[in-house]
C-alpha cells in the first residue's frame, strides 16, 4: 500500500509472465472522499533495464479492469505501449 496525493494505492492482483520478467498488476485507488477506482501497472526487465508504466482510473468496476489485466498478460503488452492499449480498451466501451 502506498499513499500519494491524498490517495491510498493498493496492489490487488499480479500476473507474472516471461519467467517473471514481465508483470501486470491490478491497482486500487481509494480517495479521501471514499471513492474507489481501478487501474493497471506493467513492469518489465526483458531488455536488460527496468521499464514501468501505470494507468490509473480506468474504471470503478473492478471486474472490467481485472479482465483488462488478463488481456494484457495474454498478449504480452509492454509498458511502453500500456497507455495506448488502455486508451483503446476504454474507447471500446463507448463505441456506438
C-alpha atoms as a PDB file:
ATOM      1  CA  UNK A   1       0.000   0.000   0.000  1.00  0.00           C
ATOM      2  CA  UNK A   2       1.254   3.484  -0.820  1.00  0.00           C
ATOM      3  CA  UNK A   3      -0.103   6.924  -0.059  1.00  0.00           C
ATOM      4  CA  UNK A   4       0.193   9.598  -2.721  1.00  0.00           C
ATOM      5  CA  UNK A   5      -1.595  12.940  -3.266  1.00  0.00           C
ATOM      6  CA  UNK A   6      -4.312  12.078  -0.756  1.00  0.00           C
ATOM      7  CA  UNK A   7      -4.900   8.718  -2.452  1.00  0.00           C
ATOM      8  CA  UNK A   8      -4.249   5.269  -0.976  1.00  0.00           C
ATOM      9  CA  UNK A   9      -2.911   2.904  -3.652  1.00  0.00           C
ATOM     10  CA  UNK A  10      -3.154  -0.881  -3.253  1.00  0.00           C
ATOM     11  CA  UNK A  11      -1.989  -3.719  -5.482  1.00  0.00           C
ATOM     12  CA  UNK A  12      -4.775  -6.310  -5.559  1.00  0.00           C
ATOM     13  CA  UNK A  13      -3.529  -8.872  -8.073  1.00  0.00           C
ATOM     14  CA  UNK A  14      -0.318  -9.507 -10.008  1.00  0.00           C
ATOM     15  CA  UNK A  15       0.226 -11.739 -13.025  1.00  0.00           C
ATOM     16  CA  UNK A  16       3.809 -12.634 -13.950  1.00  0.00           C
ATOM     17  CA  UNK A  17       4.782 -13.839 -17.424  1.00  0.00           C
ATOM     18  CA  UNK A  18       8.020 -14.353 -19.365  1.00  0.00           C
ATOM     19  CA  UNK A  19       9.743 -16.064 -16.448  1.00  0.00           C
ATOM     20  CA  UNK A  20       8.698 -13.262 -14.067  1.00  0.00           C
ATOM     21  CA  UNK A  21      10.323 -10.619 -16.267  1.00  0.00           C
ATOM     22  CA  UNK A  22       7.018  -9.080 -17.368  1.00  0.00           C
ATOM     23  CA  UNK A  23       4.412  -8.419 -14.658  1.00  0.00           C
ATOM     24  CA  UNK A  24       0.975  -6.831 -14.644  1.00  0.00           C
ATOM     25  CA  UNK A  25      -0.814  -5.580 -11.538  1.00  0.00           C
ATOM     26  CA  UNK A  26      -4.398  -4.614 -10.809  1.00  0.00           C
ATOM     27  CA  UNK A  27      -4.291  -1.478  -8.674  1.00  0.00           C
ATOM     28  CA  UNK A  28      -6.903   0.139  -6.473  1.00  0.00           C
ATOM     29  CA  UNK A  29      -7.030   3.856  -5.670  1.00  0.00           C
ATOM     30  CA  UNK A  30      -9.024   4.994  -2.642  1.00  0.00           C
ATOM     31  CA  UNK A  31      -9.537   8.739  -2.426  1.00  0.00           C
ATOM     32  CA  UNK A  32     -10.146  10.865   0.628  1.00  0.00           C
ATOM     33  CA  UNK A  33     -13.863  11.024  -0.259  1.00  0.00           C
ATOM     34  CA  UNK A  34     -14.020   7.193  -0.205  1.00  0.00           C
ATOM     35  CA  UNK A  35     -14.414   6.719  -3.949  1.00  0.00           C
ATOM     36  CA  UNK A  36     -12.583   3.747  -5.440  1.00  0.00           C
ATOM     37  CA  UNK A  37     -11.200   3.264  -8.929  1.00  0.00           C
ATOM     38  CA  UNK A  38      -9.043   0.607 -10.514  1.00  0.00           C
ATOM     39  CA  UNK A  39      -6.041   0.764 -12.799  1.00  0.00           C
ATOM     40  CA  UNK A  40      -3.107  -1.276 -14.039  1.00  0.00           C
ATOM     41  CA  UNK A  41       0.656  -1.287 -13.782  1.00  0.00           C
ATOM     42  CA  UNK A  42       3.123  -3.077 -16.062  1.00  0.00           C
ATOM     43  CA  UNK A  43       6.776  -3.723 -15.240  1.00  0.00           C
ATOM     44  CA  UNK A  44       9.405  -5.457 -17.356  1.00  0.00           C
ATOM     45  CA  UNK A  45      13.087  -6.308 -17.211  1.00  0.00           C
ATOM     46  CA  UNK A  46      13.078  -8.121 -20.553  1.00  0.00           C
ATOM     47  CA  UNK A  47      15.561  -5.792 -22.211  1.00  0.00           C
ATOM     48  CA  UNK A  48      18.213  -5.504 -19.505  1.00  0.00           C
ATOM     49  CA  UNK A  49      16.798  -2.462 -17.725  1.00  0.00           C
ATOM     50  CA  UNK A  50      13.633  -1.968 -15.743  1.00  0.00           C
ATOM     51  CA  UNK A  51      10.727  -0.290 -17.508  1.00  0.00           C
ATOM     52  CA  UNK A  52       7.468   0.587 -15.777  1.00  0.00           C
ATOM     53  CA  UNK A  53       4.162   2.212 -16.695  1.00  0.00           C
ATOM     54  CA  UNK A  54       0.855   2.675 -14.918  1.00  0.00           C
ATOM     55  CA  UNK A  55      -2.613   3.825 -15.880  1.00  0.00           C
ATOM     56  CA  UNK A  56      -4.874   4.861 -13.009  1.00  0.00           C
ATOM     57  CA  UNK A  57      -8.634   5.366 -13.006  1.00  0.00           C
ATOM     58  CA  UNK A  58      -9.550   3.038 -15.843  1.00  0.00           C
ATOM     59  CA  UNK A  59     -12.885   2.185 -14.232  1.00  0.00           C
ATOM     60  CA  UNK A  60     -14.713   1.995 -10.940  1.00  0.00           C
ATOM     61  CA  UNK A  61     -15.760  -1.540 -11.967  1.00  0.00           C
ATOM     62  CA  UNK A  62     -13.128  -3.978 -10.686  1.00  0.00           C
ATOM     63  CA  UNK A  63     -14.246  -6.827 -12.962  1.00  0.00           C
ATOM     64  CA  UNK A  64     -13.687  -4.761 -16.098  1.00  0.00           C
ATOM     65  CA  UNK A  65     -10.146  -3.861 -15.069  1.00  0.00           C
ATOM     66  CA  UNK A  66      -9.387  -7.452 -13.994  1.00  0.00           C
ATOM     67  CA  UNK A  67     -10.365  -8.588 -17.484  1.00  0.00           C
ATOM     68  CA  UNK A  68      -8.070  -5.905 -18.903  1.00  0.00           C
ATOM     69  CA  UNK A  69      -5.146  -7.143 -16.777  1.00  0.00           C
ATOM     70  CA  UNK A  70      -5.768 -10.671 -18.078  1.00  0.00           C
ATOM     71  CA  UNK A  71      -5.886  -9.333 -21.636  1.00  0.00           C
ATOM     72  CA  UNK A  72      -2.554  -7.551 -21.143  1.00  0.00           C
ATOM     73  CA  UNK A  73      -0.913 -10.739 -19.872  1.00  0.00           C
ATOM     74  CA  UNK A  74      -2.389 -12.879 -22.652  1.00  0.00           C
ATOM     75  CA  UNK A  75      -0.968 -10.500 -25.267  1.00  0.00           C
ATOM     76  CA  UNK A  76       2.353  -9.654 -23.550  1.00  0.00           C
ATOM     77  CA  UNK A  77       1.766  -5.903 -23.737  1.00  0.00           C
ATOM     78  CA  UNK A  78       4.905  -3.951 -22.827  1.00  0.00           C
ATOM     79  CA  UNK A  79       4.933  -0.922 -20.526  1.00  0.00           C
ATOM     80  CA  UNK A  80       5.909   1.271 -23.486  1.00  0.00           C
ATOM     81  CA  UNK A  81       2.523   0.647 -25.112  1.00  0.00           C
ATOM     82  CA  UNK A  82       0.360   0.289 -21.992  1.00  0.00           C
ATOM     83  CA  UNK A  83      -1.178   3.768 -22.161  1.00  0.00           C
ATOM     84  CA  UNK A  84      -2.159   3.399 -25.819  1.00  0.00           C
ATOM     85  CA  UNK A  85      -3.658  -0.053 -25.264  1.00  0.00           C
ATOM     86  CA  UNK A  86      -5.578   1.220 -22.208  1.00  0.00           C
ATOM     87  CA  UNK A  87      -6.995   4.124 -24.223  1.00  0.00           C
ATOM     88  CA  UNK A  88      -8.198   1.714 -26.926  1.00  0.00           C
ATOM     89  CA  UNK A  89      -9.692  -0.583 -24.283  1.00  0.00           C
ATOM     90  CA  UNK A  90     -11.629   2.236 -22.626  1.00  0.00           C
ATOM     91  CA  UNK A  91     -12.722   3.650 -26.011  1.00  0.00           C
ATOM     92  CA  UNK A  92     -14.152   0.244 -26.964  1.00  0.00           C
ATOM     93  CA  UNK A  93     -16.789   0.648 -24.234  1.00  0.00           C
ATOM     94  CA  UNK A  94     -18.035   3.902 -25.735  1.00  0.00           C
ATOM     95  CA  UNK A  95     -18.061   2.933 -29.405  1.00  0.00           C
ATOM     96  CA  UNK A  96     -21.524   3.170 -30.916  1.00  0.00           C
END
